[in-house]
Amino acid sequence: MTERDQYIENAKAKIDQWNAEIDKMKAKVDEAEADAKIAYQKQLDAARKHRDEAEAKLKDLHEASGDAWDDVKAGFDKAWDKISAAFHSAMSRFG
């Protein structure tokens, strides 16, 4: 497996982990009382938005070819850090 393939696989694995966390959040939303449910739903929506952004960036990374790979990877790394921080912030406020 090339370094590029390994990098993409690691990013996919992280997104899969986020999907599992989103599923847990969804279960809490379903069990929450009405007042808490509104707040939880907002955090769940935010987490999904950040996950979707990460998946879009990963798609761009996967489709990058040859010389563009390094440039796209550098952009992905910057975006990934911001998206990851935002996702974890949403998770931490979830309760």
C-alpha atoms as a PDB file:
ATOM      1  CA  MET A   1       0.000   0.000   0.000  1.00  0.00           C
ATOM      2  CA  THR A   2       1.369   3.398  -0.933  1.00  0.00           C
ATOM      3  CA  GLU A   3       1.752   6.267   1.515  1.00  0.00           C
ATOM      4  CA  ARG A   4      -1.127   7.996  -0.266  1.00  0.00           C
ATOM      5  CA  ASP A   5      -3.398   4.965   0.071  1.00  0.00           C
ATOM      6  CA  GLN A   6      -2.494   4.614   3.757  1.00  0.00           C
ATOM      7  CA  TYR A   7      -3.205   8.289   4.367  1.00  0.00           C
ATOM      8  CA  ILE A   8      -6.633   8.024   2.731  1.00  0.00           C
ATOM      9  CA  GLU A   9      -7.441   4.812   4.630  1.00  0.00           C
ATOM     10  CA  ASN A  10      -6.553   6.484   7.946  1.00  0.00           C
ATOM     11  CA  ALA A  11      -8.830   9.432   7.153  1.00  0.00           C
ATOM     12  CA  LYS A  12     -11.667   7.054   6.194  1.00  0.00           C
ATOM     13  CA  ALA A  13     -11.201   5.164   9.460  1.00  0.00           C
ATOM     14  CA  LYS A  14     -11.482   8.397  11.430  1.00  0.00           C
ATOM     15  CA  ILE A  15     -14.688   9.328   9.604  1.00  0.00           C
ATOM     16  CA  ASP A  16     -16.051   5.842  10.349  1.00  0.00           C
ATOM     17  CA  GLN A  17     -15.275   6.462  14.031  1.00  0.00           C
ATOM     18  CA  TRP A  18     -17.123   9.786  13.838  1.00  0.00           C
ATOM     19  CA  ASN A  19     -20.096   7.999  12.273  1.00  0.00           C
ATOM     20  CA  ALA A  20     -20.202   5.634  15.255  1.00  0.00           C
ATOM     21  CA  GLU A  21     -20.120   8.614  17.637  1.00  0.00           C
ATOM     22  CA  ILE A  22     -22.930  10.275  15.664  1.00  0.00           C
ATOM     23  CA  ASP A  23     -24.990   7.091  16.013  1.00  0.00           C
ATOM     24  CA  LYS A  24     -24.501   7.218  19.798  1.00  0.00           C
ATOM     25  CA  MET A  25     -25.536  10.878  19.806  1.00  0.00           C
ATOM     26  CA  LYS A  26     -28.642  10.014  17.808  1.00  0.00           C
ATOM     27  CA  ALA A  27     -29.614   7.429  20.419  1.00  0.00           C
ATOM     28  CA  LYS A  28     -29.282  10.071  23.163  1.00  0.00           C
ATOM     29  CA  VAL A  29     -31.424  12.484  21.152  1.00  0.00           C
ATOM     30  CA  ASP A  30     -34.111   9.836  20.807  1.00  0.00           C
ATOM     31  CA  GLU A  31     -34.124   9.227  24.587  1.00  0.00           C
ATOM     32  CA  ALA A  32     -33.904  12.860  25.710  1.00  0.00           C
ATOM     33  CA  GLU A  33     -36.652  14.924  27.251  1.00  0.00           C
ATOM     34  CA  ALA A  34     -38.179  17.649  25.067  1.00  0.00           C
ATOM     35  CA  ASP A  35     -35.989  20.551  26.272  1.00  0.00           C
ATOM     36  CA  ALA A  36     -32.765  18.585  26.071  1.00  0.00           C
ATOM     37  CA  LYS A  37     -33.788  17.070  22.763  1.00  0.00           C
ATOM     38  CA  ILE A  38     -33.675  20.461  21.023  1.00  0.00           C
ATOM     39  CA  ALA A  39     -30.158  21.190  22.293  1.00  0.00           C
ATOM     40  CA  TYR A  40     -28.958  17.669  21.501  1.00  0.00           C
ATOM     41  CA  GLN A  41     -30.396  17.853  18.000  1.00  0.00           C
ATOM     42  CA  LYS A  42     -28.461  21.060  17.305  1.00  0.00           C
ATOM     43  CA  GLN A  43     -25.212  19.399  18.396  1.00  0.00           C
ATOM     44  CA  LEU A  44     -26.030  16.304  16.356  1.00  0.00           C
ATOM     45  CA  ASP A  45     -26.688  18.450  13.287  1.00  0.00           C
ATOM     46  CA  ALA A  46     -23.384  20.278  13.822  1.00  0.00           C
ATOM     47  CA  ALA A  47     -21.470  17.003  14.153  1.00  0.00           C
ATOM     48  CA  ARG A  48     -23.055  15.668  10.957  1.00  0.00           C
ATOM     49  CA  LYS A  49     -22.175  18.895   9.122  1.00  0.00           C
ATOM     50  CA  HIS A  50     -18.527  18.592  10.142  1.00  0.00           C
ATOM     51  CA  ARG A  51     -18.473  14.920   9.200  1.00  0.00           C
ATOM     52  CA  ASP A  52     -19.932  15.778   5.777  1.00  0.00           C
ATOM     53  CA  GLU A  53     -17.266  18.456   5.275  1.00  0.00           C
ATOM     54  CA  ALA A  54     -14.568  15.915   6.121  1.00  0.00           C
ATOM     55  CA  GLU A  55     -16.020  13.408   3.665  1.00  0.00           C
ATOM     56  CA  ALA A  56     -16.077  16.046   0.905  1.00  0.00           C
ATOM     57  CA  LYS A  57     -12.437  16.966   1.578  1.00  0.00           C
ATOM     58  CA  LEU A  58     -11.508  13.288   1.595  1.00  0.00           C
ATOM     59  CA  LYS A  59     -13.187  12.861  -1.795  1.00  0.00           C
ATOM     60  CA  ASP A  60     -11.113  15.752  -3.175  1.00  0.00           C
ATOM     61  CA  LEU A  61      -8.000  14.149  -1.730  1.00  0.00           C
ATOM     62  CA  HIS A  62      -8.841  10.764  -3.212  1.00  0.00           C
ATOM     63  CA  GLU A  63      -9.409  12.266  -6.661  1.00  0.00           C
ATOM     64  CA  ALA A  64      -6.180  14.305  -6.673  1.00  0.00           C
ATOM     65  CA  SER A  65      -3.645  13.025  -9.135  1.00  0.00           C
ATOM     66  CA  GLY A  66       0.104  13.092  -9.391  1.00  0.00           C
ATOM     67  CA  ASP A  67       1.516  16.555  -8.887  1.00  0.00           C
ATOM     68  CA  ALA A  68      -1.728  17.910  -7.429  1.00  0.00           C
ATOM     69  CA  TRP A  69      -1.599  15.356  -4.594  1.00  0.00           C
ATOM     70  CA  ASP A  70       0.868  17.326  -2.464  1.00  0.00           C
ATOM     71  CA  ASP A  71      -1.086  20.565  -2.806  1.00  0.00           C
ATOM     72  CA  VAL A  72      -4.423  18.907  -2.119  1.00  0.00           C
ATOM     73  CA  LYS A  73      -2.957  16.994   0.841  1.00  0.00           C
ATOM     74  CA  ALA A  74      -1.629  20.222   2.386  1.00  0.00           C
ATOM     75  CA  GLY A  75      -5.065  21.817   2.028  1.00  0.00           C
ATOM     76  CA  PHE A  76      -6.708  18.699   3.398  1.00  0.00           C
ATOM     77  CA  ASP A  77      -4.451  18.700   6.462  1.00  0.00           C
ATOM     78  CA  LYS A  78      -5.392  22.297   7.304  1.00  0.00           C
ATOM     79  CA  ALA A  79      -9.092  21.687   6.719  1.00  0.00           C
ATOM     80  CA  TRP A  80      -8.997  18.381   8.613  1.00  0.00           C
ATOM     81  CA  ASP A  81      -7.573  20.053  11.728  1.00  0.00           C
ATOM     82  CA  LYS A  82     -10.357  22.652  11.741  1.00  0.00           C
ATOM     83  CA  ILE A  83     -13.111  20.148  10.976  1.00  0.00           C
ATOM     84  CA  SER A  84     -11.815  17.713  13.594  1.00  0.00           C
ATOM     85  CA  ALA A  85     -11.685  20.404  16.273  1.00  0.00           C
ATOM     86  CA  ALA A  86     -15.224  21.527  15.413  1.00  0.00           C
ATOM     87  CA  PHE A  87     -16.506  17.941  15.499  1.00  0.00           C
ATOM     88  CA  HIS A  88     -14.962  17.281  18.893  1.00  0.00           C
ATOM     89  CA  SER A  89     -16.302  20.575  20.202  1.00  0.00           C
ATOM     90  CA  ALA A  90     -19.804  19.527  19.157  1.00  0.00           C
ATOM     91  CA  MET A  91     -19.294  16.147  20.811  1.00  0.00           C
ATOM     92  CA  SER A  92     -18.061  17.664  24.074  1.00  0.00           C
ATOM     93  CA  ARG A  93     -21.113  19.925  24.360  1.00  0.00           C
ATOM     94  CA  PHE A  94     -23.386  16.975  23.785  1.00  0.00           C
ATOM     95  CA  GLY A  95     -23.251  15.840  27.366  1.00  0.00           C
END
